[in-house]
Amino acid sequence: MKSARWLAGHAAFTATATSLLVDLGRLDNLDEIADLCAGRPVLAVRTAEHVADRLRSLREWPAPAVLTATIARLAHHGDLAGGLFAVALIRTEPGFWKTPWRDLLIGLRRHSVPDVRDEAYTIDMS
């Protein structure tokens, strides 16, 4: 993690750093990664996809309460990356359509960033 954070301090290596931080973390560092994607919409989109892949690859998923708190925190981050990460995490498990998951998705459909709202609307809740 220390090396990835060092790379993150160098603009030419931000994309590499975000990828490493996703791979090395247990999705408990997504606020930090979202901050690295600030002002970099393409990086935010790619990293959100990577976050979803990482969640699917975990041997043991985070407890539902932890995942819910992570999604809520990212949704309230207020930026493109945080919102896209939250949508990616919700999309990864389509079986969570009861409260609080449904409420989180509805909240993302009202997000302040139009691209996050659009992405949230692509998830079918039926």
N, C-alpha and C. Protein backbone atom coordinates (compact mmCIF):
# COMPACT_ATOMS: atom_id res chain seq x y z
N MET A 1 0.82 -1.19 0.00
CA MET A 1 0.00 0.00 0.00
C MET A 1 0.87 1.25 0.00
N LYS A 2 1.94 1.20 0.73
CA LYS A 2 2.81 2.37 0.83
C LYS A 2 3.35 2.77 -0.55
N SER A 3 3.76 1.78 -1.34
CA SER A 3 4.29 2.07 -2.68
C SER A 3 3.20 2.64 -3.59
N ALA A 4 1.99 2.09 -3.48
CA ALA A 4 0.88 2.58 -4.30
C ALA A 4 0.56 4.03 -3.93
N ARG A 5 0.60 4.32 -2.66
CA ARG A 5 0.34 5.70 -2.23
C ARG A 5 1.45 6.64 -2.70
N TRP A 6 2.67 6.15 -2.72
CA TRP A 6 3.78 6.96 -3.23
C TRP A 6 3.54 7.26 -4.71
N LEU A 7 3.15 6.24 -5.48
CA LEU A 7 2.85 6.44 -6.90
C LEU A 7 1.72 7.46 -7.09
N ALA A 8 0.74 7.41 -6.21
CA ALA A 8 -0.40 8.32 -6.33
C ALA A 8 0.01 9.77 -6.22
N GLY A 9 1.13 10.02 -5.60
CA GLY A 9 1.62 11.38 -5.46
C GLY A 9 2.27 11.93 -6.71
N HIS A 10 2.35 11.12 -7.75
CA HIS A 10 2.97 11.52 -9.02
C HIS A 10 1.93 11.41 -10.12
N ALA A 11 1.57 12.53 -10.71
CA ALA A 11 0.47 12.59 -11.68
C ALA A 11 0.57 11.56 -12.80
N ALA A 12 1.77 11.27 -13.23
CA ALA A 12 1.94 10.32 -14.33
C ALA A 12 1.58 8.89 -13.93
N PHE A 13 1.49 8.63 -12.64
CA PHE A 13 1.25 7.27 -12.16
C PHE A 13 -0.08 7.11 -11.42
N THR A 14 -0.95 8.11 -11.51
CA THR A 14 -2.20 8.04 -10.75
C THR A 14 -3.05 6.84 -11.16
N ALA A 15 -3.15 6.56 -12.44
CA ALA A 15 -3.96 5.42 -12.89
C ALA A 15 -3.40 4.11 -12.36
N THR A 16 -2.09 3.96 -12.41
CA THR A 16 -1.46 2.75 -11.88
C THR A 16 -1.71 2.66 -10.38
N ALA A 17 -1.59 3.78 -9.70
CA ALA A 17 -1.78 3.80 -8.25
C ALA A 17 -3.21 3.41 -7.88
N THR A 18 -4.19 3.94 -8.58
CA THR A 18 -5.58 3.61 -8.24
C THR A 18 -5.84 2.12 -8.45
N SER A 19 -5.31 1.57 -9.52
CA SER A 19 -5.47 0.14 -9.78
C SER A 19 -4.84 -0.70 -8.66
N LEU A 20 -3.65 -0.33 -8.27
CA LEU A 20 -2.98 -1.05 -7.18
C LEU A 20 -3.74 -0.92 -5.87
N LEU A 21 -4.22 0.27 -5.57
CA LEU A 21 -4.95 0.48 -4.32
C LEU A 21 -6.25 -0.33 -4.28
N VAL A 22 -6.91 -0.47 -5.43
CA VAL A 22 -8.11 -1.32 -5.48
C VAL A 22 -7.71 -2.77 -5.24
N ASP A 23 -6.66 -3.22 -5.91
CA ASP A 23 -6.22 -4.61 -5.79
C ASP A 23 -5.72 -4.97 -4.40
N LEU A 24 -5.06 -4.04 -3.75
CA LEU A 24 -4.45 -4.32 -2.45
C LEU A 24 -5.41 -4.15 -1.28
N GLY A 25 -6.45 -3.37 -1.48
CA GLY A 25 -7.38 -3.11 -0.38
C GLY A 25 -8.50 -4.12 -0.33
N ARG A 26 -9.29 -4.00 0.71
CA ARG A 26 -10.50 -4.83 0.84
C ARG A 26 -11.73 -3.95 0.67
N LEU A 27 -11.59 -2.98 -0.20
CA LEU A 27 -12.64 -2.01 -0.51
C LEU A 27 -12.94 -1.09 0.67
N ASP A 28 -12.01 -1.01 1.60
CA ASP A 28 -12.16 -0.11 2.73
C ASP A 28 -11.42 1.21 2.50
N ASN A 29 -10.82 1.33 1.33
CA ASN A 29 -10.04 2.52 0.99
C ASN A 29 -10.62 3.27 -0.21
N LEU A 30 -11.89 3.06 -0.48
CA LEU A 30 -12.48 3.62 -1.70
C LEU A 30 -12.63 5.14 -1.65
N ASP A 31 -12.77 5.71 -0.46
CA ASP A 31 -12.82 7.18 -0.37
C ASP A 31 -11.50 7.77 -0.85
N GLU A 32 -10.41 7.18 -0.41
CA GLU A 32 -9.07 7.63 -0.83
C GLU A 32 -8.92 7.51 -2.35
N ILE A 33 -9.38 6.40 -2.89
CA ILE A 33 -9.25 6.16 -4.33
C ILE A 33 -10.15 7.14 -5.10
N ALA A 34 -11.34 7.39 -4.60
CA ALA A 34 -12.24 8.36 -5.25
C ALA A 34 -11.58 9.74 -5.30
N ASP A 35 -10.91 10.11 -4.22
CA ASP A 35 -10.22 11.40 -4.20
C ASP A 35 -9.14 11.47 -5.28
N LEU A 36 -8.46 10.35 -5.52
CA LEU A 36 -7.42 10.32 -6.56
C LEU A 36 -8.01 10.49 -7.96
N CYS A 37 -9.27 10.12 -8.12
CA CYS A 37 -9.93 10.22 -9.42
C CYS A 37 -10.56 11.58 -9.67
N ALA A 38 -10.47 12.48 -8.70
CA ALA A 38 -11.08 13.81 -8.84
C ALA A 38 -10.56 14.52 -10.08
N GLY A 39 -11.48 15.02 -10.88
CA GLY A 39 -11.11 15.73 -12.10
C GLY A 39 -10.65 14.83 -13.23
N ARG A 40 -10.78 13.53 -13.05
CA ARG A 40 -10.34 12.56 -14.06
C ARG A 40 -11.50 11.60 -14.37
N PRO A 41 -12.47 12.04 -15.16
CA PRO A 41 -13.67 11.22 -15.37
C PRO A 41 -13.41 9.86 -16.01
N VAL A 42 -12.49 9.78 -16.94
CA VAL A 42 -12.21 8.48 -17.57
C VAL A 42 -11.60 7.54 -16.54
N LEU A 43 -10.70 8.05 -15.73
CA LEU A 43 -10.10 7.24 -14.66
C LEU A 43 -11.18 6.80 -13.67
N ALA A 44 -12.12 7.67 -13.36
CA ALA A 44 -13.20 7.32 -12.44
C ALA A 44 -14.04 6.17 -12.99
N VAL A 45 -14.37 6.22 -14.28
CA VAL A 45 -15.16 5.15 -14.91
C VAL A 45 -14.39 3.84 -14.89
N ARG A 46 -13.15 3.87 -15.32
CA ARG A 46 -12.34 2.65 -15.34
C ARG A 46 -12.15 2.07 -13.94
N THR A 47 -11.93 2.94 -12.99
CA THR A 47 -11.71 2.47 -11.62
C THR A 47 -12.99 1.90 -11.04
N ALA A 48 -14.14 2.48 -11.35
CA ALA A 48 -15.42 1.92 -10.88
C ALA A 48 -15.60 0.50 -11.41
N GLU A 49 -15.26 0.27 -12.66
CA GLU A 49 -15.34 -1.08 -13.22
C GLU A 49 -14.40 -2.02 -12.48
N HIS A 50 -13.22 -1.53 -12.16
CA HIS A 50 -12.23 -2.33 -11.44
C HIS A 50 -12.72 -2.64 -10.02
N VAL A 51 -13.38 -1.69 -9.39
CA VAL A 51 -13.94 -1.90 -8.05
C VAL A 51 -14.97 -3.03 -8.09
N ALA A 52 -15.84 -3.04 -9.09
CA ALA A 52 -16.83 -4.11 -9.21
C ALA A 52 -16.15 -5.46 -9.41
N ASP A 53 -15.14 -5.50 -10.26
CA ASP A 53 -14.40 -6.75 -10.48
C ASP A 53 -13.74 -7.22 -9.19
N ARG A 54 -13.18 -6.28 -8.45
CA ARG A 54 -12.51 -6.62 -7.19
C ARG A 54 -13.50 -7.21 -6.19
N LEU A 55 -14.67 -6.61 -6.08
CA LEU A 55 -15.67 -7.14 -5.15
C LEU A 55 -16.04 -8.57 -5.53
N ARG A 56 -16.26 -8.81 -6.82
CA ARG A 56 -16.61 -10.16 -7.27
C ARG A 56 -15.50 -11.16 -7.00
N SER A 57 -14.25 -10.71 -6.96
CA SER A 57 -13.12 -11.63 -6.80
C SER A 57 -12.76 -11.92 -5.34
N LEU A 58 -13.35 -11.18 -4.41
CA LEU A 58 -13.01 -11.41 -3.00
C LEU A 58 -13.47 -12.80 -2.57
N ARG A 59 -12.62 -13.50 -1.85
CA ARG A 59 -13.00 -14.82 -1.33
C ARG A 59 -14.14 -14.68 -0.33
N GLU A 60 -14.07 -13.64 0.47
CA GLU A 60 -15.10 -13.40 1.47
C GLU A 60 -15.60 -11.97 1.30
N TRP A 61 -16.87 -11.84 0.98
CA TRP A 61 -17.44 -10.51 0.79
C TRP A 61 -17.51 -9.78 2.12
N PRO A 62 -17.46 -8.47 2.08
CA PRO A 62 -17.67 -7.70 3.31
C PRO A 62 -19.07 -8.00 3.86
N ALA A 63 -19.21 -7.89 5.16
CA ALA A 63 -20.52 -8.09 5.78
C ALA A 63 -21.51 -7.10 5.16
N PRO A 64 -22.77 -7.50 5.02
CA PRO A 64 -23.76 -6.59 4.42
C PRO A 64 -23.80 -5.21 5.06
N ALA A 65 -23.66 -5.15 6.38
CA ALA A 65 -23.69 -3.84 7.05
C ALA A 65 -22.49 -2.99 6.64
N VAL A 66 -21.34 -3.63 6.48
CA VAL A 66 -20.13 -2.90 6.07
C VAL A 66 -20.28 -2.42 4.63
N LEU A 67 -20.77 -3.30 3.76
CA LEU A 67 -20.96 -2.93 2.36
C LEU A 67 -21.99 -1.81 2.23
N THR A 68 -23.06 -1.90 2.99
CA THR A 68 -24.08 -0.85 2.98
C THR A 68 -23.49 0.49 3.41
N ALA A 69 -22.72 0.47 4.48
CA ALA A 69 -22.10 1.71 4.97
C ALA A 69 -21.12 2.28 3.95
N THR A 70 -20.38 1.40 3.28
CA THR A 70 -19.43 1.85 2.26
C THR A 70 -20.16 2.51 1.10
N ILE A 71 -21.22 1.87 0.63
CA ILE A 71 -22.00 2.43 -0.48
C ILE A 71 -22.61 3.77 -0.08
N ALA A 72 -23.17 3.85 1.11
CA ALA A 72 -23.79 5.10 1.57
C ALA A 72 -22.74 6.21 1.66
N ARG A 73 -21.58 5.89 2.20
CA ARG A 73 -20.51 6.89 2.33
C ARG A 73 -20.06 7.38 0.96
N LEU A 74 -19.87 6.44 0.02
CA LEU A 74 -19.45 6.82 -1.33
C LEU A 74 -20.52 7.65 -2.03
N ALA A 75 -21.77 7.28 -1.85
CA ALA A 75 -22.87 8.02 -2.48
C ALA A 75 -22.91 9.46 -1.98
N HIS A 76 -22.58 9.65 -0.72
CA HIS A 76 -22.59 10.99 -0.14
C HIS A 76 -21.27 11.73 -0.35
N HIS A 77 -20.33 11.07 -0.98
CA HIS A 77 -19.04 11.71 -1.29
C HIS A 77 -19.27 12.93 -2.17
N GLY A 78 -20.33 12.85 -3.01
CA GLY A 78 -20.76 14.00 -3.79
C GLY A 78 -20.05 14.22 -5.11
N ASP A 79 -19.17 13.31 -5.48
CA ASP A 79 -18.43 13.49 -6.73
C ASP A 79 -18.69 12.32 -7.68
N LEU A 80 -18.16 12.45 -8.89
CA LEU A 80 -18.35 11.42 -9.90
C LEU A 80 -17.80 10.08 -9.46
N ALA A 81 -16.56 10.04 -9.02
CA ALA A 81 -15.93 8.76 -8.67
C ALA A 81 -16.66 8.07 -7.54
N GLY A 82 -16.93 8.78 -6.46
CA GLY A 82 -17.63 8.17 -5.33
C GLY A 82 -18.98 7.62 -5.75
N GLY A 83 -19.72 8.39 -6.54
CA GLY A 83 -21.02 7.93 -7.02
C GLY A 83 -20.92 6.72 -7.92
N LEU A 84 -19.96 6.73 -8.84
CA LEU A 84 -19.80 5.58 -9.74
C LEU A 84 -19.35 4.34 -8.97
N PHE A 85 -18.49 4.51 -7.97
CA PHE A 85 -18.07 3.37 -7.16
C PHE A 85 -19.28 2.78 -6.44
N ALA A 86 -20.14 3.65 -5.89
CA ALA A 86 -21.34 3.18 -5.19
C ALA A 86 -22.25 2.41 -6.14
N VAL A 87 -22.46 2.94 -7.33
CA VAL A 87 -23.30 2.25 -8.32
C VAL A 87 -22.68 0.90 -8.68
N ALA A 88 -21.37 0.87 -8.87
CA ALA A 88 -20.69 -0.38 -9.23
C ALA A 88 -20.87 -1.43 -8.14
N LEU A 89 -20.78 -1.03 -6.89
CA LEU A 89 -20.95 -1.98 -5.79
C LEU A 89 -22.37 -2.50 -5.72
N ILE A 90 -23.35 -1.63 -5.93
CA ILE A 90 -24.75 -2.07 -5.93
C ILE A 90 -25.01 -3.01 -7.10
N ARG A 91 -24.50 -2.67 -8.26
CA ARG A 91 -24.74 -3.47 -9.46
C ARG A 91 -24.16 -4.88 -9.32
N THR A 92 -23.12 -5.03 -8.56
CA THR A 92 -22.43 -6.32 -8.43
C THR A 92 -23.32 -7.38 -7.81
N GLU A 93 -24.23 -6.98 -6.94
CA GLU A 93 -25.11 -7.95 -6.29
C GLU A 93 -26.57 -7.57 -6.53
N PRO A 94 -27.16 -8.10 -7.59
CA PRO A 94 -28.53 -7.72 -7.93
C PRO A 94 -29.59 -8.27 -6.98
N GLY A 95 -29.23 -9.10 -6.03
CA GLY A 95 -30.22 -9.68 -5.13
C GLY A 95 -30.53 -8.86 -3.91
N PHE A 96 -30.04 -7.64 -3.85
CA PHE A 96 -30.20 -6.82 -2.65
C PHE A 96 -31.32 -5.80 -2.80
N TRP A 97 -32.43 -6.14 -3.42
CA TRP A 97 -33.44 -5.12 -3.71
C TRP A 97 -34.42 -4.89 -2.59
N LYS A 98 -33.98 -5.04 -1.39
CA LYS A 98 -34.81 -4.64 -0.25
C LYS A 98 -34.07 -3.53 0.47
N THR A 99 -34.74 -2.91 1.41
CA THR A 99 -34.10 -1.84 2.17
C THR A 99 -32.91 -2.44 2.90
N PRO A 100 -31.79 -1.78 2.93
CA PRO A 100 -31.46 -0.42 2.51
C PRO A 100 -30.95 -0.32 1.08
N TRP A 101 -30.74 -1.44 0.39
CA TRP A 101 -30.15 -1.41 -0.95
C TRP A 101 -31.01 -0.62 -1.92
N ARG A 102 -32.28 -0.89 -1.88
CA ARG A 102 -33.20 -0.18 -2.77
C ARG A 102 -33.14 1.33 -2.52
N ASP A 103 -33.12 1.70 -1.24
CA ASP A 103 -33.06 3.12 -0.88
C ASP A 103 -31.74 3.76 -1.33
N LEU A 104 -30.65 3.00 -1.23
CA LEU A 104 -29.36 3.52 -1.69
C LEU A 104 -29.39 3.78 -3.19
N LEU A 105 -29.97 2.84 -3.94
CA LEU A 105 -30.04 3.02 -5.39
C LEU A 105 -30.94 4.20 -5.74
N ILE A 106 -32.05 4.33 -5.07
CA ILE A 106 -32.93 5.47 -5.32
C ILE A 106 -32.20 6.77 -5.03
N GLY A 107 -31.42 6.79 -3.95
CA GLY A 107 -30.61 7.97 -3.63
C GLY A 107 -29.60 8.27 -4.72
N LEU A 108 -28.98 7.24 -5.28
CA LEU A 108 -28.02 7.45 -6.36
C LEU A 108 -28.70 7.97 -7.62
N ARG A 109 -29.95 7.63 -7.80
CA ARG A 109 -30.71 8.16 -8.94
C ARG A 109 -31.04 9.64 -8.76
N ARG A 110 -30.77 10.15 -7.56
CA ARG A 110 -30.96 11.58 -7.28
C ARG A 110 -29.63 12.27 -7.02
N HIS A 111 -28.55 11.63 -7.34
CA HIS A 111 -27.19 12.14 -7.07
C HIS A 111 -27.00 13.50 -7.75
N SER A 112 -26.12 14.29 -7.19
CA SER A 112 -25.86 15.63 -7.74
C SER A 112 -25.12 15.61 -9.07
N VAL A 113 -24.47 14.49 -9.39
CA VAL A 113 -23.72 14.39 -10.65
C VAL A 113 -24.59 13.65 -11.68
N PRO A 114 -24.92 14.29 -12.80
CA PRO A 114 -25.80 13.67 -13.79
C PRO A 114 -25.33 12.30 -14.28
N ASP A 115 -24.04 12.12 -14.48
CA ASP A 115 -23.54 10.83 -14.98
C ASP A 115 -23.76 9.71 -13.96
N VAL A 116 -23.71 10.03 -12.69
CA VAL A 116 -24.00 9.04 -11.65
C VAL A 116 -25.48 8.68 -11.69
N ARG A 117 -26.33 9.69 -11.80
CA ARG A 117 -27.78 9.43 -11.91
C ARG A 117 -28.06 8.53 -13.10
N ASP A 118 -27.48 8.87 -14.25
CA ASP A 118 -27.70 8.07 -15.46
C ASP A 118 -27.27 6.63 -15.25
N GLU A 119 -26.12 6.43 -14.65
CA GLU A 119 -25.61 5.08 -14.41
C GLU A 119 -26.51 4.32 -13.44
N ALA A 120 -27.00 5.00 -12.43
CA ALA A 120 -27.90 4.35 -11.46
C ALA A 120 -29.20 3.92 -12.13
N TYR A 121 -29.66 4.69 -13.09
CA TYR A 121 -30.90 4.33 -13.78
C TYR A 121 -30.73 3.13 -14.72
N THR A 122 -29.51 2.73 -15.01
CA THR A 122 -29.32 1.55 -15.87
C THR A 122 -29.52 0.25 -15.10
N ILE A 123 -29.64 0.34 -13.78
CA ILE A 123 -29.83 -0.87 -12.96
C ILE A 123 -31.32 -1.16 -12.86
N ASP A 124 -31.70 -2.36 -13.26
CA ASP A 124 -33.09 -2.79 -13.23
C ASP A 124 -33.41 -3.35 -11.84
N MET A 125 -34.40 -2.78 -11.19
CA MET A 125 -34.76 -3.23 -9.85
C MET A 125 -35.89 -4.26 -9.86
N SER A 126 -36.29 -4.72 -11.02
CA SER A 126 -37.41 -5.67 -11.05
C SER A 126 -36.94 -7.09 -10.82
